[in-house]
Amino acid sequence: MTDAPGRRVTSADVARVAGVSRATVSYVLNDTPGQTISGATRARVRDAAALLGYAPSAAARALRTGRSDVVLCLLPDWPIGQEVGNLLTHLSTELARAGLTFVVHPGTGGQPPGTELWKAITPAAVLAFTGFSDAEIAAMGAAGVALVVALLGPGPRPARELQVPQERIGRLQAAHLADAGHVRLGYAYPDDARVRIFAEPRLEGVRAACAERALPEPEVYSVALETESAEAAVRAWRSAGVTAVCAYNDDVALAVLAGMRGTGLAAPAGLALIGVDDLPAARLAAPPLSTVTTDQRAVAAHLAATVAAAVHGGERPALDAAGVVRVVRRAST
């Protein structure tokens, strides 16, 4: 038995096939307590639902329970690399454990991501990696949509859950190099404007660590993922007396290594070098890259708990920034 193509299967279809009322279908599929429904009837309803491929409507469930179970994650126009992918995977798992459904919407073309999408979906919460206007924040509040901002983008400054770990990454990089005796540091900034949301707090962390140790400001150069750009940055750092470089991430650090080879230098004698992310390629580099790694599972658990608290009205947990990022020392430093 099949329904017309393109038509959504409803609880009425399940009721018709199972030979019961729609109310009985609802009671069975929602495990409604206090109902005296026989095991045989329950099995018949579930078999009919499986046969028809019935999936309860999220909108209907929201009307019934008074809230949606959807968490809408709004991403800027980012390159989705290994670390962001790991975070999203762990977030999906952690939110599912909290009974919440994770939906990710990536931004494109530099436009603000999903500014109208949350109105169409009416999620329980929005997890955003960018900021919102005062009007948008007020509209979400009026609609009962909880807002959790993970990192700061354009707009006002609501609480930013991951700002401190990003700054700590830069601090750890600079401290690792300073503890090795380097007093003149460089910073390899990415040439991709889409990742400034990560690059800026990391650079601020490097600057703060230098200031605390009375070291000069880091020499900052933008490094594209190509040898010519990296070679120019390496020459500039050497001319400025830089002996060690903090790279935005491992990809940029690998570009710096290529630039060093092009100028006849090798790490760490020519320049000590530390990246971020602990990519497999960093471990296989020549020499293997020192790096700062983040426990994305712990970060995801924190964000999921923060979202759940925002949805259910509980107290937001604190993130142990010192516990989620650490230095992995290898031959490049």
Protein backbone atom coordinates (compact mmCIF):
# COMPACT_ATOMS: atom_id res chain seq x y z
CA MET A 1 0.00 0.00 0.00
CA THR A 2 1.50 3.35 -1.03
CA ASP A 3 0.36 6.95 -0.92
CA ALA A 4 0.56 9.48 -3.74
CA PRO A 5 4.15 10.51 -4.51
CA GLY A 6 5.28 13.70 -2.80
CA ARG A 7 2.58 13.67 -0.11
CA ARG A 8 3.77 13.56 3.48
CA VAL A 9 2.60 10.55 5.44
CA THR A 10 0.46 11.66 8.37
CA SER A 11 -0.75 10.13 11.61
CA ALA A 12 -4.14 9.70 9.91
CA ASP A 13 -2.50 7.35 7.40
CA VAL A 14 -0.94 5.35 10.22
CA ALA A 15 -4.28 5.20 12.03
CA ARG A 16 -6.03 3.97 8.86
CA VAL A 17 -3.52 1.18 8.24
CA ALA A 18 -3.40 0.13 11.90
CA GLY A 19 -7.19 0.31 12.27
CA VAL A 20 -7.10 2.63 15.27
CA SER A 21 -7.85 6.26 16.04
CA ARG A 22 -5.36 9.11 15.49
CA ALA A 23 -5.39 9.66 19.24
CA THR A 24 -4.22 6.08 19.76
CA VAL A 25 -1.42 6.62 17.22
CA SER A 26 -0.34 9.74 19.09
CA TYR A 27 -0.41 7.98 22.47
CA VAL A 28 1.63 5.04 21.20
CA LEU A 29 4.27 6.92 19.20
CA ASN A 30 4.75 9.53 21.94
CA ASP A 31 4.78 6.97 24.76
CA THR A 32 2.08 8.96 26.54
CA PRO A 33 1.84 7.73 30.15
CA GLY A 34 -1.41 6.61 31.77
CA GLN A 35 -2.90 5.01 28.65
CA THR A 36 -4.35 1.47 28.76
CA ILE A 37 -3.37 0.32 25.26
CA SER A 38 -2.63 -3.35 24.71
CA GLY A 39 0.73 -4.57 23.58
CA ALA A 40 -0.78 -5.96 20.39
CA THR A 41 -2.30 -2.58 19.49
CA ARG A 42 0.98 -0.81 20.22
CA ALA A 43 2.83 -3.25 17.98
CA ARG A 44 0.26 -2.76 15.20
CA VAL A 45 0.65 1.02 15.34
CA ARG A 46 4.45 0.86 15.28
CA ASP A 47 4.42 -1.64 12.42
CA ALA A 48 2.10 0.62 10.42
CA ALA A 49 4.32 3.64 11.09
CA ALA A 50 7.39 1.71 9.95
CA LEU A 51 5.61 0.39 6.85
CA LEU A 52 4.56 3.88 5.77
CA GLY A 53 7.84 5.55 6.75
CA TYR A 54 6.00 7.90 9.09
CA ALA A 55 8.08 10.62 10.78
CA PRO A 56 6.30 12.89 13.29
CA SER A 57 6.18 16.53 12.24
CA ALA A 58 8.56 18.74 14.16
CA ALA A 59 6.06 21.58 13.92
CA ALA A 60 3.28 19.42 15.33
CA ARG A 61 5.55 18.24 18.13
CA ALA A 62 6.39 21.85 18.96
CA LEU A 63 2.71 22.73 19.14
CA ARG A 64 2.03 19.74 21.37
CA THR A 65 4.94 20.23 23.78
CA GLY A 66 5.09 24.02 23.70
CA ARG A 67 8.62 24.16 22.29
CA SER A 68 10.77 22.91 19.45
CA ASP A 69 13.64 20.49 20.05
CA VAL A 70 15.74 21.96 17.22
CA VAL A 71 19.04 23.74 17.85
CA LEU A 72 19.93 25.84 14.81
CA CYS A 73 23.66 26.35 14.41
CA LEU A 74 24.49 29.39 12.28
CA LEU A 75 27.98 29.37 10.80
CA PRO A 76 29.63 32.27 9.01
CA ASP A 77 31.11 31.75 5.53
CA TRP A 78 33.87 29.50 6.85
CA PRO A 79 36.10 26.91 5.25
CA ILE A 80 34.98 23.75 7.07
CA GLY A 81 38.27 22.12 8.00
CA GLN A 82 39.07 19.19 10.26
CA GLU A 83 38.70 21.03 13.58
CA VAL A 84 35.36 22.68 12.76
CA GLY A 85 34.13 19.36 11.38
CA ASN A 86 35.13 17.57 14.58
CA LEU A 87 33.39 20.17 16.71
CA LEU A 88 30.15 19.90 14.72
CA THR A 89 30.21 16.10 14.88
CA HIS A 90 30.67 16.09 18.65
CA LEU A 91 28.01 18.79 19.04
CA SER A 92 25.48 16.67 17.19
CA THR A 93 26.20 13.74 19.50
CA GLU A 94 26.08 15.77 22.71
CA LEU A 95 22.87 17.60 21.80
CA ALA A 96 21.20 14.32 20.83
CA ARG A 97 21.99 13.04 24.33
CA ALA A 98 20.15 16.11 25.66
CA GLY A 99 17.13 15.29 23.49
CA LEU A 100 17.82 18.09 21.02
CA THR A 101 18.09 17.95 17.23
CA PHE A 102 21.10 19.70 15.70
CA VAL A 103 20.68 21.57 12.40
CA VAL A 104 23.67 23.38 10.83
CA HIS A 105 23.29 26.26 8.38
CA PRO A 106 26.56 27.50 6.80
CA GLY A 107 26.78 31.08 5.58
CA THR A 108 27.79 31.88 2.02
CA GLY A 109 29.07 34.83 0.08
CA GLY A 110 29.81 37.01 3.08
CA GLN A 111 26.11 37.52 3.86
CA PRO A 112 24.91 37.26 7.47
CA PRO A 113 24.00 33.56 7.86
CA GLY A 114 20.42 32.56 8.55
CA THR A 115 19.12 35.95 9.62
CA GLU A 116 15.61 34.92 8.58
CA LEU A 117 16.04 31.16 8.92
CA TRP A 118 15.42 31.03 12.64
CA LYS A 119 12.04 32.70 12.10
CA ALA A 120 11.00 29.99 9.67
CA ILE A 121 12.22 27.11 11.85
CA THR A 122 11.42 28.61 15.29
CA PRO A 123 14.10 26.54 17.02
CA ALA A 124 14.45 26.03 20.74
CA ALA A 125 17.84 27.73 20.51
CA VAL A 126 20.26 29.34 18.10
CA LEU A 127 23.94 28.51 18.50
CA ALA A 128 25.77 31.22 16.59
CA PHE A 129 29.40 31.84 15.71
CA THR A 130 28.64 35.45 14.84
CA GLY A 131 26.87 38.39 16.44
CA PHE A 132 23.38 39.82 16.00
CA SER A 133 21.85 43.28 16.10
CA ASP A 134 19.95 44.41 19.18
CA ALA A 135 16.71 44.12 17.19
CA GLU A 136 17.47 40.50 16.21
CA ILE A 137 18.36 39.55 19.77
CA ALA A 138 15.13 41.13 21.04
CA ALA A 139 13.08 39.34 18.37
CA MET A 140 14.56 35.98 19.36
CA GLY A 141 13.80 36.64 22.99
CA ALA A 142 10.22 37.60 22.18
CA ALA A 143 9.81 34.36 20.20
CA GLY A 144 11.18 32.28 23.07
CA VAL A 145 14.33 31.34 21.15
CA ALA A 146 17.42 31.01 23.34
CA LEU A 147 20.63 32.51 21.91
CA VAL A 148 24.10 31.15 22.60
CA VAL A 149 26.98 32.97 20.89
CA ALA A 150 30.12 30.85 20.63
CA LEU A 151 32.45 33.48 19.13
CA LEU A 152 32.19 37.17 18.47
CA GLY A 153 31.48 38.43 14.98
CA PRO A 154 29.99 41.76 13.86
CA GLY A 155 27.41 43.33 16.12
CA PRO A 156 26.90 43.59 19.89
CA ARG A 157 28.78 41.55 22.43
CA PRO A 158 26.56 38.94 24.05
CA ALA A 159 28.34 36.26 26.08
CA ARG A 160 30.94 34.48 23.95
CA GLU A 161 31.49 30.92 25.05
CA LEU A 162 34.70 30.18 23.12
CA GLN A 163 36.45 33.55 23.15
CA VAL A 164 38.72 32.70 26.08
CA PRO A 165 40.00 29.38 24.65
CA GLN A 166 40.92 31.12 21.39
CA GLU A 167 42.92 33.76 23.27
CA ARG A 168 44.52 31.06 25.36
CA ILE A 169 45.73 29.31 22.21
CA GLY A 170 47.78 32.40 21.33
CA ARG A 171 49.03 32.75 24.89
CA LEU A 172 50.22 29.15 24.92
CA GLN A 173 52.00 29.55 21.60
CA ALA A 174 53.88 32.65 22.74
CA ALA A 175 54.65 31.24 26.18
CA HIS A 176 56.06 28.05 24.65
CA LEU A 177 58.43 30.04 22.43
CA ALA A 178 59.38 32.53 25.15
CA ASP A 179 60.14 29.72 27.59
CA ALA A 180 62.54 28.32 24.96
CA GLY A 181 64.46 31.62 25.11
CA HIS A 182 62.97 33.51 22.14
CA VAL A 183 62.40 37.22 22.72
CA ARG A 184 61.44 38.42 19.24
CA LEU A 185 58.34 36.69 17.96
CA GLY A 186 56.48 36.80 14.68
CA TYR A 187 52.86 35.98 13.93
CA ALA A 188 51.78 34.32 10.69
CA TYR A 189 48.30 35.72 10.07
CA PRO A 190 45.96 33.96 7.59
CA ASP A 191 45.13 35.74 4.35
CA ASP A 192 41.57 34.32 4.40
CA ALA A 193 39.27 36.99 5.87
CA ARG A 194 36.65 34.34 6.67
CA VAL A 195 38.70 33.04 9.61
CA ARG A 196 39.37 36.39 11.29
CA ILE A 197 36.88 35.37 13.98
CA PHE A 198 39.52 32.86 15.16
CA ALA A 199 42.66 34.71 14.11
CA GLU A 200 42.00 37.94 16.01
CA PRO A 201 41.60 36.45 19.51
CA ARG A 202 44.57 34.14 18.91
CA LEU A 203 46.74 37.11 17.91
CA GLU A 204 45.50 39.03 20.95
CA GLY A 205 46.61 36.11 23.09
CA VAL A 206 50.10 36.26 21.58
CA ARG A 207 50.25 40.02 22.17
CA ALA A 208 49.09 39.64 25.77
CA ALA A 209 51.69 36.96 26.51
CA CYS A 210 54.43 39.14 25.02
CA ALA A 211 53.30 42.15 27.07
CA GLU A 212 53.25 40.12 30.29
CA ARG A 213 56.87 39.10 29.65
CA ALA A 214 57.96 42.61 28.59
CA LEU A 215 58.73 41.30 25.09
CA PRO A 216 58.29 43.44 21.97
CA GLU A 217 55.01 43.30 20.05
CA PRO A 218 54.97 40.36 17.63
CA GLU A 219 55.84 41.11 14.00
CA VAL A 220 52.64 40.25 12.13
CA TYR A 221 52.65 39.26 8.45
CA SER A 222 49.86 37.77 6.39
CA VAL A 223 50.82 34.42 4.88
CA ALA A 224 48.90 32.89 1.99
CA LEU A 225 49.01 29.15 1.42
CA GLU A 226 51.66 29.50 -1.28
CA THR A 227 55.44 29.49 -1.22
CA GLU A 228 56.03 32.99 -2.63
CA SER A 229 53.93 34.67 0.08
CA ALA A 230 55.57 32.60 2.80
CA GLU A 231 59.07 33.34 1.54
CA ALA A 232 58.37 37.08 1.67
CA ALA A 233 57.15 36.78 5.27
CA VAL A 234 60.20 34.71 6.29
CA ARG A 235 62.57 37.32 4.83
CA ALA A 236 60.70 40.10 6.63
CA TRP A 237 60.83 38.28 9.96
CA ARG A 238 64.53 37.58 9.60
CA SER A 239 65.21 41.22 8.76
CA ALA A 240 63.31 42.27 11.90
CA GLY A 241 65.32 39.93 14.11
CA VAL A 242 62.49 37.46 14.66
CA THR A 243 63.68 34.03 15.81
CA ALA A 244 60.34 32.24 16.35
CA VAL A 245 56.88 32.38 14.76
CA CYS A 246 53.37 31.62 16.01
CA ALA A 247 51.22 30.55 13.06
CA TYR A 248 47.44 30.98 12.97
CA ASN A 249 47.04 27.24 12.35
CA ASP A 250 48.94 24.22 11.07
CA ASP A 251 48.10 24.95 7.43
CA VAL A 252 49.69 28.40 7.71
CA ALA A 253 52.62 26.90 9.63
CA LEU A 254 53.18 24.40 6.83
CA ALA A 255 53.25 27.31 4.38
CA VAL A 256 55.88 29.01 6.57
CA LEU A 257 57.95 25.82 6.49
CA ALA A 258 57.77 25.90 2.68
CA GLY A 259 58.85 29.55 2.74
CA MET A 260 61.79 28.64 4.97
CA ARG A 261 62.92 25.93 2.57
CA GLY A 262 62.70 28.44 -0.29
CA THR A 263 65.01 30.80 1.57
CA GLY A 264 67.49 28.13 2.63
CA LEU A 265 66.36 27.94 6.27
CA ALA A 266 65.19 25.08 8.44
CA ALA A 267 63.26 24.95 11.71
CA PRO A 268 64.06 25.44 14.48
CA ALA A 269 67.54 26.85 13.76
CA GLY A 270 66.35 29.32 11.13
CA LEU A 271 63.02 30.05 12.79
CA ALA A 272 61.26 28.12 15.52
CA LEU A 273 57.65 27.54 14.55
CA ILE A 274 54.42 26.51 16.27
CA GLY A 275 50.97 25.99 14.72
CA VAL A 276 47.45 25.18 15.92
CA ASP A 277 45.13 22.16 15.44
CA ASP A 278 47.50 19.16 15.43
CA LEU A 279 46.58 18.10 11.90
CA PRO A 280 47.97 14.78 10.61
CA ALA A 281 50.06 16.75 8.10
CA ALA A 282 51.69 18.63 10.98
CA ARG A 283 52.92 15.37 12.47
CA LEU A 284 54.34 14.29 9.10
CA ALA A 285 56.05 17.61 8.30
CA ALA A 286 59.84 17.94 8.12
CA PRO A 287 60.48 18.70 10.89
CA PRO A 288 57.27 17.67 12.69
CA LEU A 289 55.38 20.76 13.84
CA SER A 290 54.86 21.81 17.41
CA THR A 291 51.25 22.84 17.76
CA VAL A 292 48.40 23.69 20.12
CA THR A 293 45.56 21.19 20.18
CA THR A 294 41.99 21.65 21.40
CA ASP A 295 39.83 18.96 22.98
CA GLN A 296 36.86 19.43 20.65
CA ARG A 297 34.84 16.79 22.47
CA ALA A 298 35.09 18.80 25.71
CA VAL A 299 34.26 22.03 23.88
CA ALA A 300 31.20 20.39 22.29
CA ALA A 301 30.06 19.05 25.66
CA HIS A 302 30.34 22.56 27.11
CA LEU A 303 28.39 24.16 24.27
CA ALA A 304 25.71 21.47 24.41
CA ALA A 305 25.32 21.92 28.17
CA THR A 306 25.16 25.70 27.69
CA VAL A 307 22.45 25.34 25.04
CA ALA A 308 20.48 22.89 27.20
CA ALA A 309 20.69 25.28 30.16
CA ALA A 310 19.52 28.17 27.98
CA VAL A 311 16.57 26.11 26.69
CA HIS A 312 15.49 24.70 30.03
CA GLY A 313 16.31 27.75 32.16
CA GLY A 314 19.20 26.23 34.09
CA GLU A 315 22.52 27.76 35.11
CA ARG A 316 25.05 28.02 32.29
CA PRO A 317 28.19 25.99 32.97
CA ALA A 318 31.68 27.51 33.06
CA LEU A 319 34.29 26.33 30.57
CA ASP A 320 37.70 25.32 31.90
CA ALA A 321 39.75 27.01 29.18
CA ALA A 322 42.99 25.71 30.68
CA GLY A 323 41.72 22.16 30.38
CA VAL A 324 40.70 22.15 26.73
CA VAL A 325 43.84 23.49 25.01
CA ARG A 326 47.43 22.29 25.36
CA VAL A 327 50.79 22.46 23.61
CA VAL A 328 52.14 19.47 21.68
CA ARG A 329 55.90 19.93 21.47
CA ARG A 330 57.74 18.57 18.44
CA ALA A 331 60.99 19.22 16.58
CA SER A 332 59.99 22.57 14.99
CA THR A 333 60.55 24.36 18.32
